[in-house]
C-alpha atoms as a PDB file:
ATOM      1  CA  UNK A   1      13.713 -17.545  -3.948  1.00  0.00           C
ATOM      2  CA  UNK A   2      11.465 -15.871  -1.408  1.00  0.00           C
ATOM      3  CA  UNK A   3      11.164 -14.681   2.200  1.00  0.00           C
ATOM      4  CA  UNK A   4      12.821 -11.317   1.439  1.00  0.00           C
ATOM      5  CA  UNK A   5      13.318  -9.008  -1.576  1.00  0.00           C
ATOM      6  CA  UNK A   6      15.920 -10.055  -4.144  1.00  0.00           C
ATOM      7  CA  UNK A   7      18.263  -7.098  -4.823  1.00  0.00           C
ATOM      8  CA  UNK A   8      19.246  -6.488  -8.442  1.00  0.00           C
ATOM      9  CA  UNK A   9      22.903  -6.580  -7.382  1.00  0.00           C
ATOM     10  CA  UNK A  10      22.534 -10.084  -5.922  1.00  0.00           C
ATOM     11  CA  UNK A  11      20.610 -11.293  -8.970  1.00  0.00           C
ATOM     12  CA  UNK A  12      23.416 -10.004 -11.221  1.00  0.00           C
ATOM     13  CA  UNK A  13      26.100 -11.568  -9.031  1.00  0.00           C
ATOM     14  CA  UNK A  14      24.427 -14.971  -9.237  1.00  0.00           C
ATOM     15  CA  UNK A  15      23.830 -14.582 -12.983  1.00  0.00           C
ATOM     16  CA  UNK A  16      27.564 -14.012 -13.466  1.00  0.00           C
ATOM     17  CA  UNK A  17      28.107 -17.395 -11.829  1.00  0.00           C
ATOM     18  CA  UNK A  18      25.661 -19.026 -14.241  1.00  0.00           C
ATOM     19  CA  UNK A  19      22.817 -19.229 -11.707  1.00  0.00           C
ATOM     20  CA  UNK A  20      19.394 -18.203 -13.018  1.00  0.00           C
ATOM     21  CA  UNK A  21      17.413 -16.856 -10.051  1.00  0.00           C
ATOM     22  CA  UNK A  22      13.746 -15.877  -9.988  1.00  0.00           C
ATOM     23  CA  UNK A  23      11.722 -14.465  -7.158  1.00  0.00           C
ATOM     24  CA  UNK A  24       8.406 -15.407  -5.566  1.00  0.00           C
ATOM     25  CA  UNK A  25       6.181 -13.682  -3.024  1.00  0.00           C
ATOM     26  CA  UNK A  26       4.442 -15.636  -0.299  1.00  0.00           C
ATOM     27  CA  UNK A  27       3.490 -15.794   3.362  1.00  0.00           C
ATOM     28  CA  UNK A  28       3.666 -18.608   5.904  1.00  0.00           C
ATOM     29  CA  UNK A  29      -0.118 -18.995   6.076  1.00  0.00           C
ATOM     30  CA  UNK A  30      -0.645 -19.472   2.327  1.00  0.00           C
ATOM     31  CA  UNK A  31       2.672 -20.447   0.745  1.00  0.00           C
ATOM     32  CA  UNK A  32       3.408 -19.032  -2.698  1.00  0.00           C
ATOM     33  CA  UNK A  33       1.089 -16.191  -3.730  1.00  0.00           C
ATOM     34  CA  UNK A  34       2.846 -14.844  -6.839  1.00  0.00           C
ATOM     35  CA  UNK A  35       6.020 -15.520  -8.824  1.00  0.00           C
ATOM     36  CA  UNK A  36       8.205 -14.039 -11.549  1.00  0.00           C
ATOM     37  CA  UNK A  37       7.976 -15.292 -15.136  1.00  0.00           C
ATOM     38  CA  UNK A  38       9.868 -14.902 -18.427  1.00  0.00           C
ATOM     39  CA  UNK A  39       8.820 -14.373 -22.029  1.00  0.00           C
ATOM     40  CA  UNK A  40       9.647 -16.584 -25.027  1.00  0.00           C
ATOM     41  CA  UNK A  41      13.051 -14.858 -25.399  1.00  0.00           C
ATOM     42  CA  UNK A  42      13.908 -15.660 -21.762  1.00  0.00           C
ATOM     43  CA  UNK A  43      13.550 -12.032 -20.678  1.00  0.00           C
ATOM     44  CA  UNK A  44      12.313 -11.375 -17.157  1.00  0.00           C
ATOM     45  CA  UNK A  45       8.817  -9.875 -17.139  1.00  0.00           C
ATOM     46  CA  UNK A  46       7.818  -7.012 -14.865  1.00  0.00           C
ATOM     47  CA  UNK A  47       5.826  -8.009 -11.804  1.00  0.00           C
ATOM     48  CA  UNK A  48       4.753 -11.380 -10.453  1.00  0.00           C
ATOM     49  CA  UNK A  49       2.065 -13.740 -11.723  1.00  0.00           C
ATOM     50  CA  UNK A  50      -0.616 -14.463  -9.109  1.00  0.00           C
ATOM     51  CA  UNK A  51      -1.214 -18.153  -8.370  1.00  0.00           C
ATOM     52  CA  UNK A  52      -4.441 -19.529  -9.865  1.00  0.00           C
ATOM     53  CA  UNK A  53      -5.766 -20.759  -6.501  1.00  0.00           C
ATOM     54  CA  UNK A  54      -5.345 -17.349  -4.855  1.00  0.00           C
ATOM     55  CA  UNK A  55      -8.037 -14.652  -4.876  1.00  0.00           C
ATOM     56  CA  UNK A  56      -6.010 -11.483  -4.442  1.00  0.00           C
ATOM     57  CA  UNK A  57      -7.251  -7.971  -3.696  1.00  0.00           C
ATOM     58  CA  UNK A  58      -5.500  -4.680  -3.089  1.00  0.00           C
ATOM     59  CA  UNK A  59      -7.228  -2.637  -0.375  1.00  0.00           C
ATOM     60  CA  UNK A  60      -6.738   0.812   1.072  1.00  0.00           C
ATOM     61  CA  UNK A  61      -4.541   0.404   4.198  1.00  0.00           C
ATOM     62  CA  UNK A  62      -6.595   0.529   7.377  1.00  0.00           C
ATOM     63  CA  UNK A  63      -9.840  -0.360   5.555  1.00  0.00           C
ATOM     64  CA  UNK A  64     -11.467  -3.228   3.631  1.00  0.00           C
ATOM     65  CA  UNK A  65     -12.069  -1.020   0.579  1.00  0.00           C
ATOM     66  CA  UNK A  66     -10.798  -2.636  -2.631  1.00  0.00           C
ATOM     67  CA  UNK A  67      -8.665  -0.371  -4.833  1.00  0.00           C
ATOM     68  CA  UNK A  68      -8.611  -0.334  -8.658  1.00  0.00           C
ATOM     69  CA  UNK A  69      -5.652  -1.687 -10.674  1.00  0.00           C
ATOM     70  CA  UNK A  70      -2.614   0.570 -10.460  1.00  0.00           C
ATOM     71  CA  UNK A  71      -3.375   1.895  -6.971  1.00  0.00           C
ATOM     72  CA  UNK A  72      -0.903   0.885  -4.260  1.00  0.00           C
ATOM     73  CA  UNK A  73      -2.454  -0.727  -1.190  1.00  0.00           C
ATOM     74  CA  UNK A  74      -2.350  -3.720   1.134  1.00  0.00           C
ATOM     75  CA  UNK A  75      -2.398  -7.253  -0.309  1.00  0.00           C
ATOM     76  CA  UNK A  76      -5.417  -9.244   0.933  1.00  0.00           C
ATOM     77  CA  UNK A  77      -5.805 -12.893  -0.065  1.00  0.00           C
ATOM     78  CA  UNK A  78      -8.449 -15.599  -0.051  1.00  0.00           C
ATOM     79  CA  UNK A  79      -7.571 -19.254  -0.567  1.00  0.00           C
ATOM     80  CA  UNK A  80     -10.319 -21.872  -0.463  1.00  0.00           C
ATOM     81  CA  UNK A  81      -9.234 -25.221   0.965  1.00  0.00           C
ATOM     82  CA  UNK A  82     -10.987 -28.002   2.873  1.00  0.00           C
ATOM     83  CA  UNK A  83      -8.020 -28.318   5.219  1.00  0.00           C
ATOM     84  CA  UNK A  84      -7.101 -24.679   5.805  1.00  0.00           C
ATOM     85  CA  UNK A  85      -9.417 -22.067   4.267  1.00  0.00           C
ATOM     86  CA  UNK A  86      -8.183 -18.463   4.271  1.00  0.00           C
ATOM     87  CA  UNK A  87     -10.769 -15.692   3.900  1.00  0.00           C
ATOM     88  CA  UNK A  88      -9.611 -12.124   3.217  1.00  0.00           C
ATOM     89  CA  UNK A  89      -6.373 -12.318   5.140  1.00  0.00           C
ATOM     90  CA  UNK A  90      -4.452  -9.050   5.256  1.00  0.00           C
ATOM     91  CA  UNK A  91      -0.775  -9.727   4.604  1.00  0.00           C
ATOM     92  CA  UNK A  92       0.486  -6.370   5.843  1.00  0.00           C
ATOM     93  CA  UNK A  93       2.435  -5.944   2.581  1.00  0.00           C
ATOM     94  CA  UNK A  94       2.006  -3.247  -0.063  1.00  0.00           C
ATOM     95  CA  UNK A  95       1.729  -3.818  -3.807  1.00  0.00           C
ATOM     96  CA  UNK A  96      -0.399  -2.923  -6.825  1.00  0.00           C
ATOM     97  CA  UNK A  97      -2.143  -4.858  -9.597  1.00  0.00           C
ATOM     98  CA  UNK A  98      -0.736  -4.858 -13.140  1.00  0.00           C
ATOM     99  CA  UNK A  99      -3.795  -5.394 -15.314  1.00  0.00           C
ATOM    100  CA  UNK A 100      -2.173  -5.875 -18.730  1.00  0.00           C
ATOM    101  CA  UNK A 101      -1.846  -9.497 -19.859  1.00  0.00           C
ATOM    102  CA  UNK A 102       1.600 -10.964 -19.247  1.00  0.00           C
ATOM    103  CA  UNK A 103       3.853 -11.720 -22.255  1.00  0.00           C
ATOM    104  CA  UNK A 104       4.669 -15.066 -20.611  1.00  0.00           C
ATOM    105  CA  UNK A 105       1.359 -16.482 -21.863  1.00  0.00           C
ATOM    106  CA  UNK A 106      -0.373 -17.091 -18.547  1.00  0.00           C
ATOM    107  CA  UNK A 107      -3.762 -15.406 -18.295  1.00  0.00           C
ATOM    108  CA  UNK A 108      -4.027 -14.443 -14.627  1.00  0.00           C
ATOM    109  CA  UNK A 109      -3.136 -10.900 -13.545  1.00  0.00           C
ATOM    110  CA  UNK A 110       0.146  -9.776 -11.987  1.00  0.00           C
ATOM    111  CA  UNK A 111       1.159  -7.740  -8.977  1.00  0.00           C
ATOM    112  CA  UNK A 112       4.135  -5.399  -8.908  1.00  0.00           C
ATOM    113  CA  UNK A 113       5.768  -7.428  -6.163  1.00  0.00           C
ATOM    114  CA  UNK A 114       6.607  -6.436  -2.608  1.00  0.00           C
ATOM    115  CA  UNK A 115       6.527  -2.631  -2.229  1.00  0.00           C
ATOM    116  CA  UNK A 116       6.866  -2.224   1.532  1.00  0.00           C
ATOM    117  CA  UNK A 117       4.786  -2.709   4.664  1.00  0.00           C
ATOM    118  CA  UNK A 118       1.229  -1.451   5.079  1.00  0.00           C
ATOM    119  CA  UNK A 119       1.496  -1.069   8.853  1.00  0.00           C
ATOM    120  CA  UNK A 120       1.837   2.675   9.377  1.00  0.00           C
ATOM    121  CA  UNK A 121       0.664   3.202  12.968  1.00  0.00           C
ATOM    122  CA  UNK A 122       2.882   5.610  14.861  1.00  0.00           C
ATOM    123  CA  UNK A 123       2.895   7.960  17.840  1.00  0.00           C
ATOM    124  CA  UNK A 124       2.148  11.619  17.120  1.00  0.00           C
ATOM    125  CA  UNK A 125       2.155  14.217  19.902  1.00  0.00           C
ATOM    126  CA  UNK A 126       2.146  11.358  22.411  1.00  0.00           C
ATOM    127  CA  UNK A 127      -0.919   9.647  20.898  1.00  0.00           C
ATOM    128  CA  UNK A 128      -0.934   6.609  18.607  1.00  0.00           C
ATOM    129  CA  UNK A 129      -2.462   7.333  15.199  1.00  0.00           C
ATOM    130  CA  UNK A 130      -3.503   4.754  12.598  1.00  0.00           C
ATOM    131  CA  UNK A 131      -4.474   4.865   8.899  1.00  0.00           C
ATOM    132  CA  UNK A 132      -8.051   3.986   9.851  1.00  0.00           C
ATOM    133  CA  UNK A 133      -8.443   7.276  11.733  1.00  0.00           C
ATOM    134  CA  UNK A 134      -7.568   9.307   8.660  1.00  0.00           C
ATOM    135  CA  UNK A 135      -9.745   7.152   6.429  1.00  0.00           C
ATOM    136  CA  UNK A 136     -12.644   8.053   8.733  1.00  0.00           C
ATOM    137  CA  UNK A 137     -12.214  11.618   7.482  1.00  0.00           C
ATOM    138  CA  UNK A 138     -12.617  10.430   3.901  1.00  0.00           C
ATOM    139  CA  UNK A 139     -15.750   8.482   4.818  1.00  0.00           C
ATOM    140  CA  UNK A 140     -17.265  11.431   6.673  1.00  0.00           C
ATOM    141  CA  UNK A 141     -16.649  13.977   3.935  1.00  0.00           C
ATOM    142  CA  UNK A 142     -17.757  12.619   0.554  1.00  0.00           C
ATOM    143  CA  UNK A 143     -16.092  15.551  -1.202  1.00  0.00           C
ATOM    144  CA  UNK A 144     -12.713  14.065  -0.233  1.00  0.00           C
ATOM    145  CA  UNK A 145     -11.426  11.178  -2.370  1.00  0.00           C
ATOM    146  CA  UNK A 146      -8.014  10.469  -0.811  1.00  0.00           C
ATOM    147  CA  UNK A 147      -5.995  11.499   2.247  1.00  0.00           C
ATOM    148  CA  UNK A 148      -2.404  11.431   3.450  1.00  0.00           C
ATOM    149  CA  UNK A 149      -1.100  12.560   6.838  1.00  0.00           C
ATOM    150  CA  UNK A 150       2.454  13.898   6.712  1.00  0.00           C
ATOM    151  CA  UNK A 151       4.382  14.055   9.991  1.00  0.00           C
ATOM    152  CA  UNK A 152       7.407  16.320  10.390  1.00  0.00           C
ATOM    153  CA  UNK A 153       9.056  18.220  13.230  1.00  0.00           C
ATOM    154  CA  UNK A 154       8.931  21.946  13.932  1.00  0.00           C
ATOM    155  CA  UNK A 155      10.999  23.520  16.707  1.00  0.00           C
ATOM    156  CA  UNK A 156      11.790  20.016  17.993  1.00  0.00           C
ATOM    157  CA  UNK A 157       8.075  19.160  18.336  1.00  0.00           C
ATOM    158  CA  UNK A 158       5.811  16.914  16.251  1.00  0.00           C
ATOM    159  CA  UNK A 159       4.014  18.727  13.445  1.00  0.00           C
ATOM    160  CA  UNK A 160       1.439  17.148  11.155  1.00  0.00           C
ATOM    161  CA  UNK A 161      -0.534  18.093   8.063  1.00  0.00           C
ATOM    162  CA  UNK A 162      -3.484  16.194   6.607  1.00  0.00           C
ATOM    163  CA  UNK A 163      -3.482  16.461   2.811  1.00  0.00           C
ATOM    164  CA  UNK A 164      -6.925  15.881   1.280  1.00  0.00           C
ATOM    165  CA  UNK A 165      -7.680  15.369  -2.407  1.00  0.00           C
ATOM    166  CA  UNK A 166     -10.885  17.120  -3.456  1.00  0.00           C
ATOM    167  CA  UNK A 167     -12.405  19.119  -6.285  1.00  0.00           C
ATOM    168  CA  UNK A 168     -14.323  21.221  -3.744  1.00  0.00           C
ATOM    169  CA  UNK A 169     -11.597  23.411  -2.267  1.00  0.00           C
ATOM    170  CA  UNK A 170     -12.836  25.910   0.326  1.00  0.00           C
ATOM    171  CA  UNK A 171     -11.870  27.130   3.779  1.00  0.00           C
ATOM    172  CA  UNK A 172     -15.120  25.864   5.296  1.00  0.00           C
ATOM    173  CA  UNK A 173     -14.275  22.268   4.349  1.00  0.00           C
ATOM    174  CA  UNK A 174     -10.776  22.622   5.844  1.00  0.00           C
ATOM    175  CA  UNK A 175     -12.269  23.904   9.085  1.00  0.00           C
ATOM    176  CA  UNK A 176     -14.830  21.087   9.264  1.00  0.00           C
ATOM    177  CA  UNK A 177     -12.167  18.410   8.697  1.00  0.00           C
ATOM    178  CA  UNK A 178      -9.919  19.854  11.421  1.00  0.00           C
ATOM    179  CA  UNK A 179     -12.839  20.061  13.865  1.00  0.00           C
ATOM    180  CA  UNK A 180     -13.949  16.503  13.076  1.00  0.00           C
ATOM    181  CA  UNK A 181     -10.478  15.155  13.762  1.00  0.00           C
ATOM    182  CA  UNK A 182     -10.080  17.110  16.997  1.00  0.00           C
ATOM    183  CA  UNK A 183     -13.510  16.029  18.277  1.00  0.00           C
ATOM    184  CA  UNK A 184     -13.115  12.349  17.423  1.00  0.00           C
ATOM    185  CA  UNK A 185      -9.390  11.750  17.941  1.00  0.00           C
ATOM    186  CA  UNK A 186      -8.363  14.517  20.380  1.00  0.00           C
ATOM    187  CA  UNK A 187      -5.669  15.930  18.111  1.00  0.00           C
ATOM    188  CA  UNK A 188      -5.263  19.329  16.497  1.00  0.00           C
ATOM    189  CA  UNK A 189      -3.878  19.042  12.966  1.00  0.00           C
ATOM    190  CA  UNK A 190      -3.316  21.284   9.971  1.00  0.00           C
ATOM    191  CA  UNK A 191      -5.450  20.553   6.905  1.00  0.00           C
ATOM    192  CA  UNK A 192      -4.604  21.273   3.259  1.00  0.00           C
ATOM    193  CA  UNK A 193      -6.816  20.684   0.225  1.00  0.00           C
ATOM    194  CA  UNK A 194      -5.363  19.777  -3.173  1.00  0.00           C
ATOM    195  CA  UNK A 195      -6.848  18.694  -6.488  1.00  0.00           C
ATOM    196  CA  UNK A 196      -7.660  15.033  -7.105  1.00  0.00           C
ATOM    197  CA  UNK A 197      -4.791  12.932  -8.441  1.00  0.00           C
ATOM    198  CA  UNK A 198      -2.009  14.940  -6.790  1.00  0.00           C
ATOM    199  CA  UNK A 199      -1.241  12.652  -3.827  1.00  0.00           C
ATOM    200  CA  UNK A 200       1.663  10.356  -4.709  1.00  0.00           C
ATOM    201  CA  UNK A 201       0.532   6.768  -5.352  1.00  0.00           C
ATOM    202  CA  UNK A 202       2.659   4.920  -2.780  1.00  0.00           C
ATOM    203  CA  UNK A 203      -0.052   3.357  -0.605  1.00  0.00           C
ATOM    204  CA  UNK A 204       0.882   5.434   2.433  1.00  0.00           C
ATOM    205  CA  UNK A 205      -1.864   7.023   4.494  1.00  0.00           C
ATOM    206  CA  UNK A 206       0.613   8.109   7.191  1.00  0.00           C
ATOM    207  CA  UNK A 207       3.935   9.423   5.859  1.00  0.00           C
ATOM    208  CA  UNK A 208       6.312   9.870   8.802  1.00  0.00           C
ATOM    209  CA  UNK A 209       9.137  12.164   7.686  1.00  0.00           C
ATOM    210  CA  UNK A 210      10.583  12.821  11.145  1.00  0.00           C
ATOM    211  CA  UNK A 211      14.360  12.459  11.316  1.00  0.00           C
ATOM    212  CA  UNK A 212      15.830  11.415  14.654  1.00  0.00           C
ATOM    213  CA  UNK A 213      19.340  12.637  15.442  1.00  0.00           C
END
């Protein structure tokens, strides 16, 4: 089955009726991209096997930068065909690559499956912000390896903090990042520096935590 995530509860319900259900991931433009498999003992294997005719990449949302296995990002596919070639099409979906060889016996790599949507644009202080804007900070300052913008509310107003991973923590860098963002994107934001590897690996560049009553 495809088109939407298969809940564990629904899978169990169907299994109780003697129906063996497996899940695939695909999009209208390319058809099936990846599918679930089982091992020799008929146990479901984690993740989904990528189709052999699909070139699949995981990129940082808002960029074309390919991410290493294990990092969550947007699924981008290429499918070569005389009738309908697809070159680096962004699906808008999040996932990550599982590099270990599958116990099912097939030799291609797997993805985790659908992990949410990559589209994270939102309005902050009356201005639309996008992942690409925050990735510009990372490109400008080579000391910064990863960023995440967290949006909350304070006294009923939007409040935002840009978390930057770096091994070069100093107040001067924080000041330069804040000034760069204000100059280029007309927004004043708070900036925090943390050690590399501390930002949660969920693929989000913009994490909107505002709760509307």
